[in-house]
Amino acid sequence: MPASFACVGLVGRSQREGLAPVLEELITLLHLRGHEVLLEERLAELVPSSEDPRLPIAEIGERADLVIVIGGDGSLLGAARTLARFDLPVLGVNRGRLGFLTDITPDELSEQVSAVLDGHYDQESRFLLDATVLRDGKVIGSADALNDVVVNSGTSAQMIEFELYVNDVFVYRQRADGLIVSTPTGSTAYSLSGGGPIMHPTLDAIVLVPMFPHALSSRPIVLDGNSEVRIDILDRNRTHPPVTCDGQVNLTARPGDSVAIVKKPHRLLLLHPKGHSFYASCRDKLRWGDALVN
């Protein structure tokens, strides 16, 4: 057993269907192997007989050598925003739908988790974004995102008008439903639905995807990952645009506010079973090649 994985934290969403038996199997496996187990406190109701410590996710991040997230990609997104600053590896067990980030299935749980714990895994480093809402030069809210930061009108069939700057250089004034600012990790999520490109997770890049822009020539733009993006929401807007991080954290901006988005200094260390392939995930999750099947 690698000493680096002596203490393993288990986190996830307790409401996820089918989570309890997977959690119980994981706890049993870890105990049999001699690992110390830390259990996120909101999972306690699923395993009432367990005597493992129940802790907030931030405390697990401080104490664990490895965190296993049980659930869908949404569960891992939520955990990643807290865990990235602790510089510890994260492994995903899929109990959701797509599973681009949580790629171990319950059927392969014992074999693949044991292999990872024995040191047989592939590791990726994913960057996150920091989003800050500024009003009259003062910070009124901030959050981070692994997938994307979305600024939108918040109202069905209503556009907002904004100006886009990259590294303080004016790009354009735009009327649109909003703008998606996505990492490579998020390029297979909301950005993809908006017509953005699929980016390999190892790219150091950010993509800007306009949402239903009034200018038909407006297309996604791929930027260097170290770019500083600023979205100025013009005073003439009548709505208070929400700023959403990973579809889970919401900030509210006003006309005249600015939204500044930069790469976060901390990165997520994501583990995969040995031989993991991003392209294989795309073939499976996005059903590439289905039309070729008789």
Protein backbone atom coordinates (compact mmCIF):
# COMPACT_ATOMS: atom_id res chain seq x y z
CA MET A 1 0.00 0.00 0.00
CA PRO A 2 1.57 3.34 -1.03
CA ALA A 3 2.12 5.44 2.05
CA SER A 4 0.77 8.42 0.14
CA PHE A 5 -2.70 6.84 0.15
CA ALA A 6 -2.76 5.70 3.77
CA CYS A 7 -5.76 7.93 4.53
CA VAL A 8 -8.67 7.99 2.07
CA GLY A 9 -11.61 10.38 2.16
CA LEU A 10 -15.02 9.46 0.72
CA VAL A 11 -17.30 12.26 -0.45
CA GLY A 12 -20.46 12.57 -2.53
CA ARG A 13 -24.09 13.59 -2.58
CA SER A 14 -26.22 11.59 -0.17
CA GLN A 15 -29.31 12.01 -2.38
CA ARG A 16 -27.76 10.15 -5.30
CA GLU A 17 -29.73 6.97 -6.06
CA GLY A 18 -27.81 3.73 -5.55
CA LEU A 19 -25.03 5.41 -3.58
CA ALA A 20 -25.37 3.44 -0.32
CA PRO A 21 -24.28 -0.01 -1.59
CA VAL A 22 -21.33 1.48 -3.47
CA LEU A 23 -20.29 3.40 -0.38
CA GLU A 24 -20.55 0.31 1.80
CA GLU A 25 -18.46 -1.71 -0.67
CA LEU A 26 -15.79 0.99 -0.75
CA ILE A 27 -15.60 1.24 3.04
CA THR A 28 -15.26 -2.54 3.35
CA LEU A 29 -12.55 -2.64 0.67
CA LEU A 30 -10.55 0.15 2.28
CA HIS A 31 -10.75 -1.36 5.75
CA LEU A 32 -9.63 -4.78 4.48
CA ARG A 33 -6.62 -3.12 2.87
CA GLY A 34 -5.75 -1.25 6.06
CA HIS A 35 -6.55 2.28 4.94
CA GLU A 36 -7.83 4.92 7.32
CA VAL A 37 -11.24 6.15 6.10
CA LEU A 38 -12.68 9.64 6.47
CA LEU A 39 -16.36 10.01 5.60
CA GLU A 40 -17.97 13.25 4.48
CA GLU A 41 -20.54 14.11 7.14
CA ARG A 42 -23.50 14.37 4.76
CA LEU A 43 -22.97 10.71 3.76
CA ALA A 44 -23.38 9.48 7.35
CA GLU A 45 -27.09 8.72 6.90
CA LEU A 46 -26.25 6.15 4.21
CA VAL A 47 -23.95 4.09 6.43
CA PRO A 48 -25.26 4.54 9.99
CA SER A 49 -23.32 1.54 11.29
CA SER A 50 -19.94 2.89 10.18
CA GLU A 51 -17.65 4.16 12.93
CA ASP A 52 -15.39 6.10 10.56
CA PRO A 53 -14.95 9.82 11.35
CA ARG A 54 -17.57 12.13 9.80
CA LEU A 55 -16.00 15.39 8.68
CA PRO A 56 -16.74 18.44 6.51
CA ILE A 57 -15.20 18.14 3.06
CA ALA A 58 -12.66 20.90 3.78
CA GLU A 59 -11.33 19.01 6.80
CA ILE A 60 -11.12 15.84 4.72
CA GLY A 61 -9.04 17.83 2.24
CA GLU A 62 -6.64 18.79 5.02
CA ARG A 63 -6.21 15.26 6.37
CA ALA A 64 -6.64 12.80 3.50
CA ASP A 65 -3.99 11.54 1.06
CA LEU A 66 -6.60 10.64 -1.56
CA VAL A 67 -10.27 11.55 -1.99
CA ILE A 68 -12.73 9.27 -3.77
CA VAL A 69 -15.85 11.06 -5.06
CA ILE A 70 -18.90 8.83 -5.48
CA GLY A 71 -21.60 10.17 -7.78
CA GLY A 72 -21.83 11.92 -11.13
CA ASP A 73 -19.71 14.63 -12.67
CA GLY A 74 -21.74 17.21 -10.74
CA SER A 75 -20.60 15.63 -7.48
CA LEU A 76 -16.99 15.81 -8.56
CA LEU A 77 -17.35 19.43 -9.74
CA GLY A 78 -18.64 20.43 -6.31
CA ALA A 79 -15.88 18.56 -4.54
CA ALA A 80 -13.15 19.85 -6.87
CA ARG A 81 -13.81 23.50 -6.07
CA THR A 82 -13.11 22.77 -2.39
CA LEU A 83 -10.34 20.18 -2.77
CA ALA A 84 -8.14 21.79 -5.45
CA ARG A 85 -6.38 24.04 -2.94
CA PHE A 86 -5.17 21.04 -0.91
CA ASP A 87 -3.07 19.60 -3.77
CA LEU A 88 -4.24 16.03 -3.24
CA PRO A 89 -5.40 13.50 -5.86
CA VAL A 90 -9.09 12.86 -6.54
CA LEU A 91 -10.63 9.69 -7.98
CA GLY A 92 -14.21 9.44 -9.28
CA VAL A 93 -16.63 6.52 -9.01
CA ASN A 94 -19.58 7.04 -11.34
CA ARG A 95 -23.15 6.86 -10.06
CA GLY A 96 -24.41 9.55 -12.42
CA ARG A 97 -25.09 9.80 -16.14
CA LEU A 98 -22.24 10.81 -18.45
CA GLY A 99 -19.23 10.33 -16.20
CA PHE A 100 -16.51 12.24 -18.06
CA LEU A 101 -14.80 12.89 -14.71
CA THR A 102 -16.07 9.95 -12.63
CA ASP A 103 -15.04 7.06 -14.81
CA ILE A 104 -14.95 3.99 -12.51
CA THR A 105 -18.20 2.02 -12.69
CA PRO A 106 -19.61 0.08 -9.70
CA ASP A 107 -19.13 -3.19 -11.61
CA GLU A 108 -15.37 -2.56 -11.69
CA LEU A 109 -15.12 -0.93 -8.30
CA SER A 110 -13.04 -3.47 -6.40
CA GLU A 111 -10.61 -4.19 -9.24
CA GLN A 112 -9.99 -0.64 -10.41
CA VAL A 113 -9.95 1.11 -7.04
CA SER A 114 -7.54 -1.52 -5.70
CA ALA A 115 -5.26 -0.98 -8.71
CA VAL A 116 -5.24 2.79 -8.14
CA LEU A 117 -4.52 2.30 -4.43
CA ASP A 118 -1.60 0.05 -5.43
CA GLY A 119 -0.16 2.89 -7.50
CA HIS A 120 -1.38 1.86 -10.95
CA TYR A 121 -3.11 4.92 -12.38
CA ASP A 122 -2.87 7.78 -14.85
CA GLN A 123 -2.86 11.32 -13.46
CA GLU A 124 -4.13 14.54 -15.02
CA SER A 125 -3.81 18.11 -13.82
CA ARG A 126 -6.91 20.22 -14.55
CA PHE A 127 -7.05 23.98 -14.00
CA LEU A 128 -9.97 25.91 -12.57
CA LEU A 129 -11.24 29.45 -13.12
CA ASP A 130 -11.72 32.24 -10.59
CA ALA A 131 -14.69 34.52 -11.26
CA THR A 132 -15.06 37.88 -9.52
CA VAL A 133 -17.94 40.36 -9.78
CA LEU A 134 -16.74 43.97 -9.47
CA ARG A 135 -18.92 47.01 -8.75
CA ASP A 136 -17.32 50.46 -8.82
CA GLY A 137 -13.94 48.74 -8.53
CA LYS A 138 -14.92 46.77 -5.41
CA VAL A 139 -15.33 43.00 -5.16
CA ILE A 140 -18.93 42.10 -4.34
CA GLY A 141 -18.70 38.36 -4.94
CA SER A 142 -16.37 35.61 -6.14
CA ALA A 143 -16.44 31.88 -6.88
CA ASP A 144 -14.46 29.29 -8.80
CA ALA A 145 -15.29 26.76 -11.49
CA LEU A 146 -13.78 23.58 -12.93
CA ASN A 147 -16.07 23.52 -15.98
CA ASP A 148 -17.25 27.00 -16.82
CA VAL A 149 -18.33 30.46 -15.80
CA VAL A 150 -21.55 31.61 -17.49
CA VAL A 151 -22.86 35.17 -17.63
CA ASN A 152 -26.40 35.29 -18.99
CA SER A 153 -29.54 37.41 -18.95
CA GLY A 154 -31.31 35.15 -16.46
CA THR A 155 -34.52 35.72 -18.42
CA SER A 156 -35.92 33.53 -21.17
CA ALA A 157 -35.71 35.05 -24.66
CA GLN A 158 -34.04 38.26 -23.47
CA MET A 159 -30.57 39.42 -24.43
CA ILE A 160 -27.97 41.33 -22.48
CA GLU A 161 -25.44 43.74 -23.91
CA PHE A 162 -21.85 43.52 -22.78
CA GLU A 163 -18.30 44.38 -23.79
CA LEU A 164 -15.59 41.74 -23.82
CA TYR A 165 -11.95 42.43 -22.98
CA VAL A 166 -9.04 39.99 -23.03
CA ASN A 167 -5.90 41.12 -21.17
CA ASP A 168 -7.47 44.61 -21.08
CA VAL A 169 -7.69 44.66 -24.90
CA PHE A 170 -11.15 45.35 -26.29
CA VAL A 171 -12.56 42.41 -28.29
CA TYR A 172 -16.17 43.33 -29.10
CA ARG A 173 -19.48 44.69 -27.93
CA GLN A 174 -22.10 41.98 -28.07
CA ARG A 175 -25.83 41.47 -27.67
CA ALA A 176 -26.55 37.86 -26.77
CA ASP A 177 -28.27 35.63 -24.25
CA GLY A 178 -24.90 35.48 -22.53
CA LEU A 179 -21.33 34.22 -22.72
CA ILE A 180 -19.81 30.89 -21.63
CA VAL A 181 -16.19 30.97 -20.47
CA SER A 182 -15.03 27.36 -20.38
CA THR A 183 -11.97 25.35 -19.42
CA PRO A 184 -10.95 22.28 -21.47
CA THR A 185 -12.64 20.18 -18.77
CA GLY A 186 -15.90 22.04 -19.41
CA SER A 187 -15.62 21.86 -23.19
CA THR A 188 -17.67 18.63 -23.21
CA ALA A 189 -20.38 20.18 -21.01
CA TYR A 190 -22.48 23.35 -21.45
CA SER A 191 -19.95 24.85 -23.85
CA LEU A 192 -20.44 21.91 -26.21
CA SER A 193 -24.22 22.40 -26.16
CA GLY A 194 -23.64 26.05 -27.11
CA GLY A 195 -21.60 25.11 -30.18
CA GLY A 196 -18.14 25.30 -28.63
CA PRO A 197 -15.22 23.04 -29.61
CA ILE A 198 -14.15 19.91 -27.78
CA MET A 199 -10.74 20.58 -26.24
CA HIS A 200 -8.37 17.93 -24.97
CA PRO A 201 -8.13 18.23 -21.14
CA THR A 202 -4.36 18.74 -21.25
CA LEU A 203 -4.65 21.98 -23.26
CA ASP A 204 -3.77 25.22 -21.52
CA ALA A 205 -6.64 27.13 -23.10
CA ILE A 206 -9.95 28.86 -22.42
CA VAL A 207 -12.84 29.01 -24.87
CA LEU A 208 -15.39 31.84 -25.08
CA VAL A 209 -18.76 30.71 -26.45
CA PRO A 210 -21.46 33.33 -27.16
CA MET A 211 -24.99 32.18 -26.34
CA PHE A 212 -27.41 32.96 -29.19
CA PRO A 213 -25.54 36.12 -30.28
CA HIS A 214 -27.33 38.80 -32.26
CA ALA A 215 -24.33 39.01 -34.59
CA LEU A 216 -24.48 35.83 -36.67
CA SER A 217 -20.76 36.09 -37.43
CA SER A 218 -19.89 35.76 -33.73
CA ARG A 219 -18.19 32.42 -33.11
CA PRO A 220 -16.33 30.72 -30.24
CA ILE A 221 -12.83 32.06 -29.55
CA VAL A 222 -10.04 29.94 -28.04
CA LEU A 223 -7.61 31.86 -25.81
CA ASP A 224 -4.35 31.12 -24.05
CA GLY A 225 -5.11 29.63 -20.65
CA ASN A 226 -3.36 32.48 -18.83
CA SER A 227 -5.59 35.12 -20.41
CA GLU A 228 -7.51 37.53 -18.22
CA VAL A 229 -11.12 37.82 -19.38
CA ARG A 230 -13.36 40.73 -18.41
CA ILE A 231 -17.02 41.09 -19.24
CA ASP A 232 -18.43 44.59 -18.72
CA ILE A 233 -22.21 44.57 -18.38
CA LEU A 234 -23.44 47.79 -19.93
CA ASP A 235 -25.52 50.26 -17.93
CA ARG A 236 -28.37 50.16 -20.43
CA ASN A 237 -29.30 46.57 -19.47
CA ARG A 238 -32.53 46.16 -17.53
CA THR A 239 -31.81 42.76 -16.00
CA HIS A 240 -29.44 41.68 -13.22
CA PRO A 241 -27.42 38.96 -14.97
CA PRO A 242 -26.57 35.87 -12.93
CA VAL A 243 -22.97 34.67 -12.99
CA THR A 244 -22.99 30.89 -12.63
CA CYS A 245 -19.99 28.67 -11.85
CA ASP A 246 -20.30 25.02 -12.92
CA GLY A 247 -24.08 25.45 -12.89
CA GLN A 248 -23.91 25.18 -9.09
CA VAL A 249 -22.74 28.49 -7.60
CA ASN A 250 -24.61 31.69 -8.47
CA LEU A 251 -23.53 35.31 -8.12
CA THR A 252 -25.72 38.23 -9.18
CA ALA A 253 -24.39 41.14 -11.19
CA ARG A 254 -26.03 44.47 -12.01
CA PRO A 255 -25.89 46.76 -15.02
CA GLY A 256 -22.55 48.56 -14.83
CA ASP A 257 -20.76 45.68 -13.10
CA SER A 258 -17.77 43.79 -14.47
CA VAL A 259 -17.04 40.08 -14.29
CA ALA A 260 -13.32 39.23 -14.18
CA ILE A 261 -12.27 35.64 -14.95
CA VAL A 262 -8.74 34.26 -14.57
CA LYS A 263 -7.05 30.92 -14.10
CA LYS A 264 -7.03 29.75 -10.48
CA PRO A 265 -3.54 29.18 -9.00
CA HIS A 266 -4.55 25.77 -7.59
CA ARG A 267 -5.14 22.80 -9.87
CA LEU A 268 -7.16 19.61 -9.52
CA LEU A 269 -5.14 16.38 -9.56
CA LEU A 270 -7.48 13.86 -11.16
CA LEU A 271 -6.69 10.14 -11.17
CA HIS A 272 -7.92 7.60 -13.73
CA PRO A 273 -7.51 3.82 -14.00
CA LYS A 274 -4.44 2.86 -16.02
CA GLY A 275 -5.03 3.12 -19.76
CA HIS A 276 -7.73 5.78 -19.50
CA SER A 277 -8.40 7.48 -22.86
CA PHE A 278 -10.16 10.81 -23.33
CA TYR A 279 -11.07 9.79 -26.87
CA ALA A 280 -12.59 6.53 -25.65
CA SER A 281 -14.66 8.54 -23.19
CA CYS A 282 -15.88 10.75 -26.03
CA ARG A 283 -16.78 7.70 -28.13
CA ASP A 284 -18.73 6.25 -25.23
CA LYS A 285 -20.35 9.34 -23.70
CA LEU A 286 -21.01 11.27 -26.91
CA ARG A 287 -21.86 8.13 -28.90
CA TRP A 288 -19.37 8.77 -31.67
CA GLY A 289 -19.79 6.20 -34.41
CA ASP A 290 -23.31 5.08 -33.45
CA ALA A 291 -24.44 5.74 -37.01
CA LEU A 292 -21.98 3.09 -38.21
CA VAL A 293 -23.67 0.33 -36.21
CA ASN A 294 -26.11 -1.84 -38.18
